[in-house]
């Protein structure tokens, strides 16, 4: 028993240290796993935000393109008028047909570089001329 007793004492004295080392190692592994998971989730979230921003930009570009196509068809063609030769409300190429004033302005000015005042003024003047009542009547009767 003396020899077995001393072996048990050695095992018992090493037991808490081994357990502490094991717990510390597990804690470090858990922490590393959490950091890796957090980094992966942050990366995936950033990728999601980038995809959403690209999709939103594509949507805005599509609205702008459709608006410009409708303007060209309406203002540069005599076939845009209704059967009686009159231009109806639905024939007008509204920038955002059921949108607010802010949405219409956003479509009209999409892609205009507001930091370049010369270019931005040209875009504004073009829109003013396009929608000016006298010019509108000249083009559409």
N, C-alpha and C. Protein backbone atom coordinates (compact mmCIF):
# COMPACT_ATOMS: atom_id res chain seq x y z
N UNK A 1 0.81 -1.21 0.00
CA UNK A 1 0.00 0.00 0.00
C UNK A 1 0.84 1.26 0.00
N UNK A 2 2.02 1.17 0.64
CA UNK A 2 2.86 2.36 0.70
C UNK A 2 3.27 2.83 -0.68
N UNK A 3 3.65 1.86 -1.49
CA UNK A 3 4.08 2.23 -2.84
C UNK A 3 2.89 2.70 -3.67
N UNK A 4 1.78 1.96 -3.62
CA UNK A 4 0.58 2.37 -4.34
C UNK A 4 0.07 3.71 -3.82
N UNK A 5 0.16 3.89 -2.52
CA UNK A 5 -0.30 5.15 -1.93
C UNK A 5 0.51 6.32 -2.45
N UNK A 6 1.83 6.15 -2.59
CA UNK A 6 2.65 7.25 -3.09
C UNK A 6 2.38 7.50 -4.58
N UNK A 7 2.10 6.43 -5.34
CA UNK A 7 1.73 6.60 -6.76
C UNK A 7 0.42 7.37 -6.87
N UNK A 8 -0.53 7.05 -6.02
CA UNK A 8 -1.81 7.77 -6.04
C UNK A 8 -1.60 9.23 -5.71
N UNK A 9 -0.69 9.51 -4.74
CA UNK A 9 -0.42 10.90 -4.39
C UNK A 9 0.19 11.66 -5.57
N UNK A 10 1.08 11.01 -6.31
CA UNK A 10 1.69 11.64 -7.48
C UNK A 10 0.62 11.91 -8.53
N UNK A 11 -0.23 10.93 -8.80
CA UNK A 11 -1.31 11.08 -9.79
C UNK A 11 -2.27 12.17 -9.34
N UNK A 12 -2.62 12.15 -8.05
CA UNK A 12 -3.54 13.16 -7.55
C UNK A 12 -2.92 14.55 -7.61
N UNK A 13 -1.62 14.64 -7.32
CA UNK A 13 -0.99 15.96 -7.35
C UNK A 13 -0.86 16.45 -8.79
N UNK A 14 -0.68 15.55 -9.74
CA UNK A 14 -0.63 15.94 -11.15
C UNK A 14 -2.03 16.13 -11.72
N UNK A 15 -3.01 15.53 -11.11
CA UNK A 15 -4.39 15.58 -11.60
C UNK A 15 -4.92 16.99 -11.77
N UNK A 16 -4.91 17.82 -10.75
CA UNK A 16 -5.44 19.18 -10.91
C UNK A 16 -4.65 20.00 -11.93
N UNK A 17 -3.32 19.81 -11.99
CA UNK A 17 -2.51 20.56 -12.96
C UNK A 17 -2.87 20.13 -14.38
N UNK A 18 -2.99 18.83 -14.58
CA UNK A 18 -3.37 18.33 -15.91
C UNK A 18 -4.76 18.83 -16.29
N UNK A 19 -5.66 18.82 -15.32
CA UNK A 19 -7.02 19.28 -15.57
C UNK A 19 -7.01 20.77 -15.92
N UNK A 20 -6.20 21.55 -15.19
CA UNK A 20 -6.09 22.98 -15.48
C UNK A 20 -5.52 23.22 -16.87
N UNK A 21 -4.49 22.45 -17.23
CA UNK A 21 -3.91 22.59 -18.56
C UNK A 21 -4.93 22.23 -19.63
N UNK A 22 -5.65 21.14 -19.39
CA UNK A 22 -6.66 20.70 -20.35
C UNK A 22 -7.76 21.76 -20.49
N UNK A 23 -8.22 22.29 -19.36
CA UNK A 23 -9.25 23.32 -19.40
C UNK A 23 -8.75 24.58 -20.10
N UNK A 24 -7.50 24.95 -19.82
CA UNK A 24 -6.92 26.12 -20.46
C UNK A 24 -6.83 25.90 -21.97
N UNK A 25 -6.38 24.72 -22.38
CA UNK A 25 -6.27 24.39 -23.80
C UNK A 25 -7.65 24.41 -24.46
N UNK A 26 -8.65 23.83 -23.79
CA UNK A 26 -10.02 23.83 -24.33
C UNK A 26 -10.56 25.26 -24.42
N UNK A 27 -10.28 26.06 -23.42
CA UNK A 27 -10.74 27.45 -23.42
C UNK A 27 -10.09 28.21 -24.58
N UNK A 28 -8.79 28.00 -24.78
CA UNK A 28 -8.10 28.66 -25.89
C UNK A 28 -8.66 28.20 -27.23
N UNK A 29 -8.95 26.91 -27.36
CA UNK A 29 -9.52 26.38 -28.60
C UNK A 29 -10.92 26.96 -28.83
N UNK A 30 -11.71 27.03 -27.77
CA UNK A 30 -13.05 27.61 -27.88
C UNK A 30 -12.97 29.08 -28.30
N UNK A 31 -12.05 29.79 -27.69
CA UNK A 31 -11.88 31.21 -28.02
C UNK A 31 -11.45 31.38 -29.47
N UNK A 32 -10.50 30.55 -29.92
CA UNK A 32 -10.05 30.60 -31.30
C UNK A 32 -11.20 30.27 -32.25
N UNK A 33 -12.00 29.26 -31.90
CA UNK A 33 -13.16 28.91 -32.72
C UNK A 33 -14.15 30.06 -32.79
N UNK A 34 -14.39 30.72 -31.67
CA UNK A 34 -15.31 31.87 -31.66
C UNK A 34 -14.78 33.01 -32.53
N UNK A 35 -13.47 33.26 -32.43
CA UNK A 35 -12.88 34.33 -33.26
C UNK A 35 -13.00 34.00 -34.74
N UNK A 36 -12.72 32.73 -35.09
CA UNK A 36 -12.83 32.32 -36.49
C UNK A 36 -14.27 32.43 -36.98
N UNK A 37 -15.21 32.00 -36.14
CA UNK A 37 -16.63 32.09 -36.51
C UNK A 37 -17.03 33.55 -36.68
N UNK A 38 -16.62 34.39 -35.76
CA UNK A 38 -16.96 35.82 -35.84
C UNK A 38 -16.37 36.44 -37.11
N UNK A 39 -15.12 36.10 -37.41
CA UNK A 39 -14.47 36.64 -38.61
C UNK A 39 -15.20 36.17 -39.87
N UNK A 40 -15.59 34.90 -39.89
CA UNK A 40 -16.32 34.36 -41.05
C UNK A 40 -17.67 35.05 -41.20
N UNK A 41 -18.38 35.22 -40.08
CA UNK A 41 -19.69 35.88 -40.13
C UNK A 41 -19.56 37.33 -40.57
N UNK A 42 -18.55 38.02 -40.08
CA UNK A 42 -18.33 39.41 -40.49
C UNK A 42 -18.01 39.48 -41.98
N UNK A 43 -17.18 38.56 -42.47
CA UNK A 43 -16.83 38.52 -43.89
C UNK A 43 -18.07 38.24 -44.74
N UNK A 44 -18.89 37.26 -44.31
CA UNK A 44 -20.11 36.94 -45.05
C UNK A 44 -21.09 38.11 -45.04
N UNK A 45 -21.18 38.81 -43.91
CA UNK A 45 -22.07 39.96 -43.82
C UNK A 45 -21.60 41.07 -44.75
N UNK A 46 -20.31 41.31 -44.79
CA UNK A 46 -19.75 42.33 -45.68
C UNK A 46 -20.03 41.97 -47.14
N UNK A 47 -19.86 40.69 -47.49
CA UNK A 47 -20.15 40.24 -48.85
C UNK A 47 -21.63 40.44 -49.18
N UNK A 48 -22.50 40.14 -48.22
CA UNK A 48 -23.94 40.34 -48.40
C UNK A 48 -24.24 41.82 -48.66
N UNK A 49 -23.64 42.70 -47.87
CA UNK A 49 -23.87 44.13 -48.04
C UNK A 49 -23.39 44.60 -49.42
N UNK A 50 -22.27 44.08 -49.86
CA UNK A 50 -21.75 44.45 -51.18
C UNK A 50 -22.68 43.97 -52.29
N UNK A 51 -23.19 42.72 -52.16
CA UNK A 51 -24.14 42.21 -53.16
C UNK A 51 -25.41 43.05 -53.17
N UNK A 52 -25.91 43.41 -51.99
CA UNK A 52 -27.12 44.22 -51.90
C UNK A 52 -26.90 45.60 -52.53
N UNK A 53 -25.74 46.19 -52.30
CA UNK A 53 -25.43 47.50 -52.88
C UNK A 53 -25.34 47.41 -54.41
N UNK A 54 -24.72 46.33 -54.92
CA UNK A 54 -24.65 46.14 -56.37
C UNK A 54 -26.04 45.98 -56.96
N UNK A 55 -26.88 45.20 -56.30
CA UNK A 55 -28.25 44.98 -56.78
C UNK A 55 -29.03 46.29 -56.78
N UNK A 56 -28.89 47.08 -55.73
CA UNK A 56 -29.57 48.37 -55.65
C UNK A 56 -29.09 49.30 -56.77
N UNK A 57 -27.79 49.31 -57.03
CA UNK A 57 -27.25 50.14 -58.10
C UNK A 57 -27.77 49.68 -59.46
N UNK A 58 -27.84 48.37 -59.67
CA UNK A 58 -28.40 47.85 -60.92
C UNK A 58 -29.85 48.28 -61.08
N UNK A 59 -30.61 48.25 -60.00
CA UNK A 59 -32.01 48.67 -60.03
C UNK A 59 -32.10 50.15 -60.40
N UNK A 60 -31.28 50.97 -59.80
CA UNK A 60 -31.28 52.41 -60.10
C UNK A 60 -30.91 52.66 -61.56
N UNK A 61 -29.89 51.95 -62.04
CA UNK A 61 -29.48 52.11 -63.43
C UNK A 61 -30.60 51.69 -64.37
N UNK A 62 -31.30 50.62 -64.03
CA UNK A 62 -32.41 50.16 -64.85
C UNK A 62 -33.53 51.18 -64.90
N UNK A 63 -33.84 51.79 -63.78
CA UNK A 63 -34.88 52.83 -63.75
C UNK A 63 -34.47 54.02 -64.62
N UNK A 64 -33.22 54.42 -64.49
CA UNK A 64 -32.72 55.55 -65.28
C UNK A 64 -32.79 55.21 -66.77
N UNK A 65 -32.37 54.01 -67.14
CA UNK A 65 -32.38 53.60 -68.55
C UNK A 65 -33.81 53.59 -69.09
N UNK A 66 -34.76 53.01 -68.32
CA UNK A 66 -36.16 52.97 -68.78
C UNK A 66 -36.72 54.38 -68.91
N UNK A 67 -36.39 55.24 -67.97
CA UNK A 67 -36.85 56.63 -68.03
C UNK A 67 -36.34 57.30 -69.30
N UNK A 68 -35.06 57.16 -69.60
CA UNK A 68 -34.48 57.77 -70.79
C UNK A 68 -35.07 57.18 -72.07
N UNK A 69 -35.32 55.87 -72.08
CA UNK A 69 -35.95 55.24 -73.24
C UNK A 69 -37.36 55.77 -73.46
N UNK A 70 -38.12 55.90 -72.38
CA UNK A 70 -39.49 56.43 -72.49
C UNK A 70 -39.48 57.88 -72.94
N UNK A 71 -38.52 58.67 -72.43
CA UNK A 71 -38.40 60.06 -72.87
C UNK A 71 -38.11 60.12 -74.36
N UNK A 72 -37.16 59.32 -74.82
CA UNK A 72 -36.81 59.32 -76.24
C UNK A 72 -38.01 58.91 -77.08
N UNK A 73 -38.72 57.89 -76.65
CA UNK A 73 -39.88 57.43 -77.41
C UNK A 73 -40.99 58.47 -77.43
N UNK A 74 -41.18 59.16 -76.34
CA UNK A 74 -42.27 60.14 -76.24
C UNK A 74 -41.92 61.45 -76.93
N UNK A 75 -40.75 61.97 -76.67
CA UNK A 75 -40.41 63.31 -77.14
C UNK A 75 -39.83 63.34 -78.55
N UNK A 76 -39.42 62.22 -79.07
CA UNK A 76 -38.80 62.20 -80.39
C UNK A 76 -39.59 61.35 -81.37
N UNK A 77 -40.84 61.11 -81.06
CA UNK A 77 -41.66 60.25 -81.91
C UNK A 77 -43.09 60.77 -81.91
N UNK A 78 -43.72 60.72 -83.06
CA UNK A 78 -45.11 61.16 -83.14
C UNK A 78 -46.06 60.03 -82.77
N UNK A 79 -45.54 58.82 -82.64
CA UNK A 79 -46.40 57.67 -82.33
C UNK A 79 -46.70 57.54 -80.84
N UNK A 80 -46.17 58.44 -80.02
CA UNK A 80 -46.37 58.33 -78.58
C UNK A 80 -47.74 58.83 -78.15
N UNK A 81 -48.43 59.52 -79.03
CA UNK A 81 -49.73 60.07 -78.67
C UNK A 81 -50.79 58.98 -78.75
N UNK A 82 -51.85 59.22 -78.03
CA UNK A 82 -52.96 58.27 -78.00
C UNK A 82 -53.71 58.24 -79.32
N UNK A 83 -54.82 57.47 -79.40
CA UNK A 83 -55.57 57.30 -80.66
C UNK A 83 -56.12 58.62 -81.22
N UNK A 84 -56.47 59.55 -80.36
CA UNK A 84 -57.01 60.82 -80.84
C UNK A 84 -55.90 61.83 -81.14
N UNK A 85 -54.66 61.43 -81.05
CA UNK A 85 -53.56 62.33 -81.28
C UNK A 85 -53.20 63.15 -80.05
N UNK A 86 -53.80 62.81 -78.93
CA UNK A 86 -53.53 63.53 -77.69
C UNK A 86 -52.61 62.71 -76.80
N UNK A 87 -51.82 63.41 -76.06
CA UNK A 87 -50.92 62.77 -75.11
C UNK A 87 -51.65 62.64 -73.78
N UNK A 88 -51.81 61.42 -73.30
CA UNK A 88 -52.50 61.19 -72.03
C UNK A 88 -51.52 61.10 -70.87
N UNK A 89 -52.07 61.10 -69.67
CA UNK A 89 -51.25 61.05 -68.45
C UNK A 89 -50.33 59.83 -68.47
N UNK A 90 -50.85 58.70 -68.87
CA UNK A 90 -50.05 57.47 -68.88
C UNK A 90 -49.00 57.47 -69.99
N UNK A 91 -49.14 58.38 -70.96
CA UNK A 91 -48.16 58.47 -72.05
C UNK A 91 -46.93 59.28 -71.64
N UNK A 92 -47.05 60.05 -70.59
CA UNK A 92 -45.94 60.90 -70.14
C UNK A 92 -44.88 60.03 -69.47
N UNK A 93 -43.63 60.20 -69.85
CA UNK A 93 -42.55 59.36 -69.30
C UNK A 93 -42.09 59.82 -67.91
N UNK A 94 -42.94 59.63 -66.94
CA UNK A 94 -42.59 60.04 -65.58
C UNK A 94 -41.35 59.29 -65.12
N UNK A 95 -40.43 59.96 -64.42
CA UNK A 95 -39.20 59.30 -63.95
C UNK A 95 -39.50 58.13 -62.99
N UNK A 96 -40.48 58.32 -62.13
CA UNK A 96 -40.90 57.24 -61.21
C UNK A 96 -42.43 57.31 -61.22
N UNK A 97 -43.07 56.54 -62.09
CA UNK A 97 -44.50 56.68 -62.34
C UNK A 97 -45.39 56.77 -61.09
N UNK A 98 -45.13 56.03 -60.09
CA UNK A 98 -45.96 56.09 -58.89
C UNK A 98 -45.13 56.51 -57.68
N UNK A 99 -44.04 57.17 -57.95
CA UNK A 99 -43.13 57.53 -56.87
C UNK A 99 -43.33 58.95 -56.38
N UNK A 100 -42.63 59.24 -55.34
CA UNK A 100 -42.66 60.58 -54.75
C UNK A 100 -41.76 61.51 -55.57
N UNK A 101 -41.82 62.77 -55.24
CA UNK A 101 -40.97 63.76 -55.89
C UNK A 101 -39.50 63.39 -55.71
N UNK A 102 -39.14 62.97 -54.50
CA UNK A 102 -37.74 62.59 -54.23
C UNK A 102 -37.31 61.41 -55.10
N UNK A 103 -38.21 60.44 -55.28
CA UNK A 103 -37.87 59.28 -56.12
C UNK A 103 -37.71 59.70 -57.58
N UNK A 104 -38.56 60.62 -58.03
CA UNK A 104 -38.44 61.10 -59.41
C UNK A 104 -37.12 61.83 -59.63
N UNK A 105 -36.76 62.68 -58.69
CA UNK A 105 -35.49 63.41 -58.79
C UNK A 105 -34.32 62.43 -58.75
N UNK A 106 -34.41 61.42 -57.91
CA UNK A 106 -33.34 60.42 -57.81
C UNK A 106 -33.14 59.70 -59.14
N UNK A 107 -34.23 59.38 -59.83
CA UNK A 107 -34.12 58.72 -61.13
C UNK A 107 -33.52 59.68 -62.16
N UNK A 108 -34.03 60.90 -62.21
CA UNK A 108 -33.55 61.87 -63.21
C UNK A 108 -32.07 62.19 -63.03
N UNK A 109 -31.62 62.27 -61.80
CA UNK A 109 -30.24 62.69 -61.54
C UNK A 109 -29.29 61.53 -61.25
N UNK A 110 -29.78 60.30 -61.39
CA UNK A 110 -28.92 59.14 -61.12
C UNK A 110 -27.71 59.16 -62.05
N UNK A 111 -26.57 58.97 -61.47
CA UNK A 111 -25.33 58.91 -62.25
C UNK A 111 -24.69 60.27 -62.47
N UNK A 112 -25.40 61.35 -62.12
CA UNK A 112 -24.83 62.68 -62.27
C UNK A 112 -23.82 62.92 -61.15
N UNK A 113 -22.63 63.32 -61.54
CA UNK A 113 -21.58 63.58 -60.56
C UNK A 113 -21.79 64.95 -59.96
N UNK A 114 -22.30 64.99 -58.76
CA UNK A 114 -22.63 66.26 -58.12
C UNK A 114 -21.38 67.03 -57.70
N UNK A 115 -20.25 66.37 -57.64
CA UNK A 115 -19.02 67.07 -57.27
C UNK A 115 -18.45 67.85 -58.46
N UNK A 116 -18.79 67.45 -59.68
CA UNK A 116 -18.37 68.17 -60.89
C UNK A 116 -19.51 69.11 -61.28
N UNK A 117 -19.42 70.35 -60.82
CA UNK A 117 -20.53 71.30 -61.01
C UNK A 117 -20.87 71.55 -62.47
N UNK A 118 -19.89 71.57 -63.34
CA UNK A 118 -20.15 71.81 -64.75
C UNK A 118 -21.02 70.70 -65.33
N UNK A 119 -20.65 69.48 -65.08
CA UNK A 119 -21.42 68.34 -65.58
C UNK A 119 -22.79 68.29 -64.91
N UNK A 120 -22.83 68.53 -63.62
CA UNK A 120 -24.10 68.47 -62.89
C UNK A 120 -25.07 69.54 -63.41
N UNK A 121 -24.56 70.74 -63.69
CA UNK A 121 -25.42 71.80 -64.24
C UNK A 121 -25.97 71.42 -65.60
N UNK A 122 -25.15 70.75 -66.42
CA UNK A 122 -25.63 70.31 -67.74
C UNK A 122 -26.77 69.32 -67.59
N UNK A 123 -26.63 68.41 -66.65
CA UNK A 123 -27.70 67.43 -66.40
C UNK A 123 -28.97 68.14 -65.95
N UNK A 124 -28.83 69.09 -65.03
CA UNK A 124 -29.99 69.84 -64.56
C UNK A 124 -30.64 70.63 -65.69
N UNK A 125 -29.84 71.30 -66.50
CA UNK A 125 -30.39 72.09 -67.62
C UNK A 125 -31.11 71.19 -68.62
N UNK A 126 -30.55 70.03 -68.87
CA UNK A 126 -31.20 69.10 -69.80
C UNK A 126 -32.57 68.69 -69.27
N UNK A 127 -32.64 68.39 -67.97
CA UNK A 127 -33.93 68.01 -67.38
C UNK A 127 -34.90 69.19 -67.37
N UNK A 128 -34.39 70.39 -67.10
CA UNK A 128 -35.26 71.58 -67.12
C UNK A 128 -35.83 71.80 -68.52
N UNK A 129 -34.99 71.68 -69.53
CA UNK A 129 -35.46 71.86 -70.90
C UNK A 129 -36.44 70.75 -71.29
N UNK A 130 -36.18 69.56 -70.84
CA UNK A 130 -37.05 68.43 -71.16
C UNK A 130 -38.45 68.62 -70.61
N UNK A 131 -38.55 69.16 -69.41
CA UNK A 131 -39.84 69.27 -68.74
C UNK A 131 -40.42 70.69 -68.75
N UNK A 132 -39.72 71.65 -69.36
CA UNK A 132 -40.24 73.01 -69.41
C UNK A 132 -41.57 73.00 -70.19
N UNK A 133 -42.60 73.63 -69.65
CA UNK A 133 -43.93 73.57 -70.29
C UNK A 133 -43.93 73.99 -71.77
N UNK A 134 -43.22 75.06 -72.13
CA UNK A 134 -43.21 75.51 -73.53
C UNK A 134 -42.54 74.48 -74.43
N UNK A 135 -41.41 73.95 -73.99
CA UNK A 135 -40.70 72.93 -74.78
C UNK A 135 -41.53 71.65 -74.86
N UNK A 136 -42.18 71.31 -73.78
CA UNK A 136 -43.01 70.11 -73.73
C UNK A 136 -44.12 70.22 -74.78
N UNK A 137 -44.77 71.36 -74.83
CA UNK A 137 -45.86 71.57 -75.80
C UNK A 137 -45.31 71.52 -77.22
N UNK A 138 -44.14 72.10 -77.46
CA UNK A 138 -43.54 72.06 -78.79
C UNK A 138 -43.31 70.62 -79.25
N UNK A 139 -42.83 69.79 -78.34
CA UNK A 139 -42.51 68.41 -78.70
C UNK A 139 -43.74 67.51 -78.77
N UNK A 140 -44.68 67.75 -77.89
CA UNK A 140 -45.79 66.80 -77.75
C UNK A 140 -47.14 67.37 -78.20
N UNK A 141 -47.17 68.62 -78.55
CA UNK A 141 -48.43 69.22 -79.02
C UNK A 141 -49.32 69.50 -77.92
